[in-house]
N, C-alpha and C. Protein backbone atom coordinates (compact mmCIF):
# COMPACT_ATOMS: atom_id res chain seq x y z
N MET A 1 13.59 -11.89 16.45
CA MET A 1 13.48 -11.05 15.27
C MET A 1 12.19 -11.35 14.50
N PHE A 2 11.81 -12.63 14.43
CA PHE A 2 10.63 -13.01 13.66
C PHE A 2 9.37 -12.32 14.19
N HIS A 3 9.23 -12.24 15.52
CA HIS A 3 8.06 -11.59 16.10
C HIS A 3 7.98 -10.13 15.68
N ARG A 4 9.08 -9.44 15.70
CA ARG A 4 9.12 -8.03 15.31
C ARG A 4 8.77 -7.87 13.83
N GLU A 5 9.26 -8.77 13.00
CA GLU A 5 8.95 -8.73 11.57
C GLU A 5 7.44 -8.88 11.35
N GLU A 6 6.84 -9.85 12.01
CA GLU A 6 5.39 -10.06 11.87
C GLU A 6 4.61 -8.85 12.36
N GLU A 7 5.07 -8.25 13.43
CA GLU A 7 4.42 -7.05 13.97
C GLU A 7 4.46 -5.91 12.96
N ILE A 8 5.60 -5.71 12.33
CA ILE A 8 5.74 -4.64 11.34
C ILE A 8 4.86 -4.93 10.12
N LYS A 9 4.87 -6.17 9.64
CA LYS A 9 4.05 -6.52 8.48
C LYS A 9 2.57 -6.33 8.77
N THR A 10 2.13 -6.74 9.95
CA THR A 10 0.72 -6.60 10.33
C THR A 10 0.33 -5.13 10.44
N LYS A 11 1.17 -4.34 11.06
CA LYS A 11 0.89 -2.90 11.20
C LYS A 11 0.85 -2.23 9.83
N PHE A 12 1.78 -2.59 8.95
CA PHE A 12 1.80 -2.01 7.61
C PHE A 12 0.50 -2.31 6.87
N LEU A 13 0.07 -3.57 6.90
CA LEU A 13 -1.17 -3.94 6.21
C LEU A 13 -2.37 -3.21 6.80
N SER A 14 -2.41 -3.07 8.10
CA SER A 14 -3.51 -2.37 8.76
C SER A 14 -3.56 -0.90 8.35
N GLU A 15 -2.40 -0.26 8.37
CA GLU A 15 -2.34 1.16 7.99
C GLU A 15 -2.65 1.33 6.50
N LEU A 16 -2.17 0.41 5.68
CA LEU A 16 -2.46 0.48 4.25
C LEU A 16 -3.95 0.31 3.99
N GLN A 17 -4.57 -0.60 4.71
CA GLN A 17 -6.01 -0.80 4.56
C GLN A 17 -6.76 0.48 4.93
N ASP A 18 -6.37 1.12 6.01
CA ASP A 18 -7.01 2.38 6.41
C ASP A 18 -6.85 3.44 5.33
N LEU A 19 -5.65 3.55 4.77
CA LEU A 19 -5.39 4.53 3.72
C LEU A 19 -6.25 4.27 2.49
N ILE A 20 -6.29 3.03 2.05
CA ILE A 20 -7.06 2.71 0.84
C ILE A 20 -8.55 2.92 1.07
N MET A 21 -9.06 2.53 2.24
CA MET A 21 -10.48 2.75 2.53
C MET A 21 -10.79 4.24 2.54
N HIS A 22 -9.90 5.04 3.07
CA HIS A 22 -10.09 6.49 3.08
C HIS A 22 -10.12 7.03 1.64
N LEU A 23 -9.18 6.57 0.81
CA LEU A 23 -9.13 7.02 -0.58
C LEU A 23 -10.36 6.57 -1.36
N GLU A 24 -10.87 5.38 -1.07
CA GLU A 24 -12.07 4.89 -1.75
C GLU A 24 -13.28 5.78 -1.49
N ASN A 25 -13.30 6.42 -0.33
CA ASN A 25 -14.42 7.28 0.03
C ASN A 25 -14.30 8.68 -0.54
N LEU A 26 -13.21 8.98 -1.21
CA LEU A 26 -13.02 10.29 -1.83
C LEU A 26 -13.08 10.10 -3.35
N PRO A 27 -14.14 10.60 -3.99
CA PRO A 27 -14.29 10.36 -5.43
C PRO A 27 -13.07 10.76 -6.26
N GLU A 28 -12.40 11.83 -5.86
CA GLU A 28 -11.25 12.28 -6.64
C GLU A 28 -10.03 11.36 -6.49
N HIS A 29 -10.08 10.45 -5.54
CA HIS A 29 -8.95 9.54 -5.32
C HIS A 29 -9.31 8.08 -5.53
N SER A 30 -10.48 7.80 -6.08
CA SER A 30 -10.90 6.41 -6.24
C SER A 30 -9.98 5.62 -7.17
N ASN A 31 -9.47 6.26 -8.23
CA ASN A 31 -8.54 5.55 -9.12
C ASN A 31 -7.24 5.20 -8.41
N LEU A 32 -6.77 6.09 -7.58
CA LEU A 32 -5.56 5.81 -6.80
C LEU A 32 -5.81 4.64 -5.85
N ALA A 33 -6.98 4.62 -5.23
CA ALA A 33 -7.32 3.53 -4.31
C ALA A 33 -7.31 2.18 -5.03
N LEU A 34 -7.72 2.17 -6.29
CA LEU A 34 -7.71 0.92 -7.06
C LEU A 34 -6.29 0.50 -7.45
N SER A 35 -5.41 1.46 -7.67
CA SER A 35 -4.05 1.17 -8.13
C SER A 35 -3.07 0.87 -7.01
N LEU A 36 -3.31 1.43 -5.86
CA LEU A 36 -2.35 1.35 -4.76
C LEU A 36 -2.01 -0.08 -4.33
N PRO A 37 -2.97 -0.99 -4.21
CA PRO A 37 -2.61 -2.35 -3.80
C PRO A 37 -1.60 -3.01 -4.75
N GLU A 38 -1.79 -2.81 -6.04
CA GLU A 38 -0.86 -3.40 -7.02
C GLU A 38 0.53 -2.79 -6.87
N MET A 39 0.58 -1.49 -6.66
CA MET A 39 1.88 -0.81 -6.51
C MET A 39 2.64 -1.30 -5.28
N LEU A 40 1.92 -1.67 -4.24
CA LEU A 40 2.56 -2.03 -2.99
C LEU A 40 2.59 -3.54 -2.72
N GLY A 41 2.12 -4.33 -3.67
CA GLY A 41 2.27 -5.78 -3.55
C GLY A 41 1.30 -6.44 -2.59
N VAL A 42 0.10 -5.88 -2.48
CA VAL A 42 -0.93 -6.50 -1.65
C VAL A 42 -2.17 -6.74 -2.50
N GLU A 43 -3.05 -7.58 -2.00
CA GLU A 43 -4.31 -7.81 -2.70
C GLU A 43 -5.45 -7.76 -1.70
N LYS A 44 -6.60 -7.29 -2.20
CA LYS A 44 -7.78 -7.16 -1.36
C LYS A 44 -8.57 -8.46 -1.40
N LEU A 45 -8.89 -8.96 -0.24
CA LEU A 45 -9.68 -10.18 -0.12
C LEU A 45 -11.17 -9.83 -0.19
N PRO A 46 -12.03 -10.80 -0.49
CA PRO A 46 -13.47 -10.54 -0.51
C PRO A 46 -13.99 -9.95 0.81
N SER A 47 -13.30 -10.25 1.90
CA SER A 47 -13.71 -9.73 3.21
C SER A 47 -13.40 -8.24 3.35
N GLY A 48 -12.62 -7.69 2.41
CA GLY A 48 -12.23 -6.29 2.50
C GLY A 48 -10.87 -6.09 3.14
N LEU A 49 -10.33 -7.15 3.74
CA LEU A 49 -9.00 -7.07 4.34
C LEU A 49 -7.94 -7.25 3.25
N PHE A 50 -6.72 -6.91 3.58
CA PHE A 50 -5.62 -7.06 2.63
C PHE A 50 -4.65 -8.12 3.11
N ARG A 51 -3.96 -8.72 2.15
CA ARG A 51 -2.88 -9.65 2.47
C ARG A 51 -1.78 -9.43 1.44
N TRP A 52 -0.59 -9.92 1.80
CA TRP A 52 0.53 -9.84 0.87
C TRP A 52 0.22 -10.71 -0.33
N LYS A 53 0.61 -10.28 -1.52
CA LYS A 53 0.47 -11.13 -2.69
C LYS A 53 1.35 -12.36 -2.51
N SER A 54 0.95 -13.46 -3.11
CA SER A 54 1.66 -14.72 -2.90
C SER A 54 3.11 -14.65 -3.34
N ASP A 55 3.41 -13.87 -4.37
CA ASP A 55 4.81 -13.79 -4.82
C ASP A 55 5.67 -13.01 -3.84
N ILE A 56 5.06 -12.17 -3.03
CA ILE A 56 5.80 -11.44 -2.00
C ILE A 56 5.85 -12.27 -0.72
N GLU A 57 4.73 -12.87 -0.34
CA GLU A 57 4.65 -13.63 0.90
C GLU A 57 5.36 -14.98 0.80
N GLY A 58 5.59 -15.45 -0.41
CA GLY A 58 6.17 -16.78 -0.62
C GLY A 58 7.55 -16.96 -0.03
N SER A 59 8.23 -17.96 -0.50
CA SER A 59 9.50 -18.34 0.11
C SER A 59 10.60 -17.30 -0.10
N SER A 60 10.41 -16.40 -1.04
CA SER A 60 11.44 -15.38 -1.24
C SER A 60 11.00 -14.07 -0.57
N ASN A 61 11.89 -13.17 -0.49
CA ASN A 61 11.66 -11.83 0.03
C ASN A 61 10.98 -11.83 1.39
N LEU A 62 9.72 -11.35 1.46
CA LEU A 62 9.11 -11.07 2.76
C LEU A 62 8.61 -12.30 3.49
N GLY A 63 8.35 -13.38 2.79
CA GLY A 63 7.74 -14.52 3.45
C GLY A 63 8.64 -15.29 4.38
N SER A 64 9.89 -15.26 4.15
CA SER A 64 10.82 -16.06 4.93
C SER A 64 11.51 -15.22 5.97
N SER A 65 11.07 -15.03 7.08
CA SER A 65 11.76 -14.34 8.17
C SER A 65 13.09 -13.72 7.78
N ASN A 66 13.11 -13.01 6.73
CA ASN A 66 14.33 -12.37 6.26
C ASN A 66 14.18 -10.88 6.48
N PHE A 67 14.46 -10.46 7.69
CA PHE A 67 14.19 -9.10 8.12
C PHE A 67 14.82 -8.03 7.24
N PRO A 68 16.05 -8.19 6.76
CA PRO A 68 16.60 -7.14 5.88
C PRO A 68 15.76 -6.91 4.63
N TRP A 69 15.21 -7.99 4.04
CA TRP A 69 14.35 -7.81 2.87
C TRP A 69 13.08 -7.07 3.23
N LEU A 70 12.54 -7.32 4.39
CA LEU A 70 11.35 -6.61 4.83
C LEU A 70 11.64 -5.12 4.94
N LEU A 71 12.77 -4.78 5.52
CA LEU A 71 13.12 -3.37 5.66
C LEU A 71 13.33 -2.70 4.30
N ILE A 72 13.96 -3.41 3.37
CA ILE A 72 14.14 -2.87 2.02
C ILE A 72 12.79 -2.66 1.36
N TYR A 73 11.90 -3.64 1.49
CA TYR A 73 10.56 -3.52 0.91
C TYR A 73 9.81 -2.33 1.51
N LEU A 74 9.84 -2.19 2.82
CA LEU A 74 9.13 -1.08 3.46
C LEU A 74 9.74 0.26 3.06
N ASN A 75 11.04 0.31 2.89
CA ASN A 75 11.69 1.53 2.42
C ASN A 75 11.20 1.89 1.02
N GLN A 76 11.09 0.90 0.15
CA GLN A 76 10.58 1.11 -1.20
C GLN A 76 9.12 1.55 -1.16
N ALA A 77 8.32 0.94 -0.30
CA ALA A 77 6.91 1.31 -0.18
C ALA A 77 6.79 2.76 0.30
N GLU A 78 7.62 3.14 1.25
CA GLU A 78 7.61 4.52 1.74
C GLU A 78 7.95 5.50 0.61
N ALA A 79 8.95 5.17 -0.19
CA ALA A 79 9.32 6.03 -1.31
C ALA A 79 8.18 6.15 -2.31
N ASN A 80 7.51 5.02 -2.61
CA ASN A 80 6.37 5.06 -3.53
C ASN A 80 5.24 5.92 -2.98
N LEU A 81 4.94 5.79 -1.70
CA LEU A 81 3.86 6.58 -1.11
C LEU A 81 4.20 8.07 -1.12
N LYS A 82 5.44 8.41 -0.86
CA LYS A 82 5.84 9.82 -0.91
C LYS A 82 5.73 10.37 -2.32
N LEU A 83 6.13 9.58 -3.30
CA LEU A 83 6.02 10.01 -4.69
C LEU A 83 4.56 10.18 -5.09
N ILE A 84 3.72 9.26 -4.67
CA ILE A 84 2.29 9.37 -4.95
C ILE A 84 1.73 10.63 -4.32
N ARG A 85 2.12 10.90 -3.09
CA ARG A 85 1.62 12.10 -2.40
C ARG A 85 2.04 13.36 -3.16
N LEU A 86 3.28 13.40 -3.63
CA LEU A 86 3.77 14.57 -4.34
C LEU A 86 3.11 14.77 -5.69
N THR A 87 2.83 13.68 -6.39
CA THR A 87 2.32 13.80 -7.76
C THR A 87 0.81 13.72 -7.84
N TRP A 88 0.17 12.99 -6.96
CA TRP A 88 -1.26 12.77 -7.11
C TRP A 88 -2.08 13.98 -6.71
N GLN A 89 -1.72 14.68 -5.68
CA GLN A 89 -2.53 15.81 -5.21
C GLN A 89 -2.66 16.89 -6.28
N PRO A 90 -1.59 17.31 -6.97
CA PRO A 90 -1.78 18.30 -8.03
C PRO A 90 -2.69 17.79 -9.15
N ILE A 91 -2.59 16.50 -9.48
CA ILE A 91 -3.47 15.93 -10.50
C ILE A 91 -4.91 15.96 -10.03
N ALA A 92 -5.15 15.55 -8.80
CA ALA A 92 -6.51 15.56 -8.25
C ALA A 92 -7.06 16.97 -8.21
N ASP A 93 -6.24 17.93 -7.81
CA ASP A 93 -6.69 19.32 -7.76
C ASP A 93 -7.07 19.82 -9.15
N SER A 94 -6.29 19.47 -10.16
CA SER A 94 -6.60 19.92 -11.52
C SER A 94 -7.87 19.26 -12.03
N LEU A 95 -8.11 18.00 -11.68
CA LEU A 95 -9.35 17.34 -12.09
C LEU A 95 -10.56 17.99 -11.45
N ILE A 96 -10.44 18.34 -10.19
CA ILE A 96 -11.55 19.01 -9.50
C ILE A 96 -11.83 20.35 -10.15
N THR A 97 -10.78 21.08 -10.51
CA THR A 97 -10.94 22.38 -11.16
C THR A 97 -11.62 22.21 -12.51
N LEU A 98 -11.26 21.18 -13.27
CA LEU A 98 -11.88 20.94 -14.57
C LEU A 98 -13.35 20.59 -14.45
N GLU A 99 -13.72 19.90 -13.39
CA GLU A 99 -15.12 19.51 -13.20
C GLU A 99 -16.01 20.70 -12.87
N LYS A 100 -15.42 21.74 -12.32
CA LYS A 100 -16.23 22.91 -11.92
C LYS A 100 -16.51 23.78 -13.08
């Protein structure tokens, strides 16, 4: 089970990094790119890579091979990302319209 948990955590961080880098390259989404790591419990390293925040990676929740907590966390992250997708695009569209 531990190997699968690490695989999921690594894939999540990789995909999250891709998403944030993509958002950073879009001026209308740069604020979201800055906020997203905090919302999802990760931090950006000087190298540009991401890691779990110490309070998440620590002995509680995700850090201790506790697979059910990982699944709950990922479910919450998915819900947050869906909510962001639903609410952020109309805001970004209205900002673009105001700039024109």
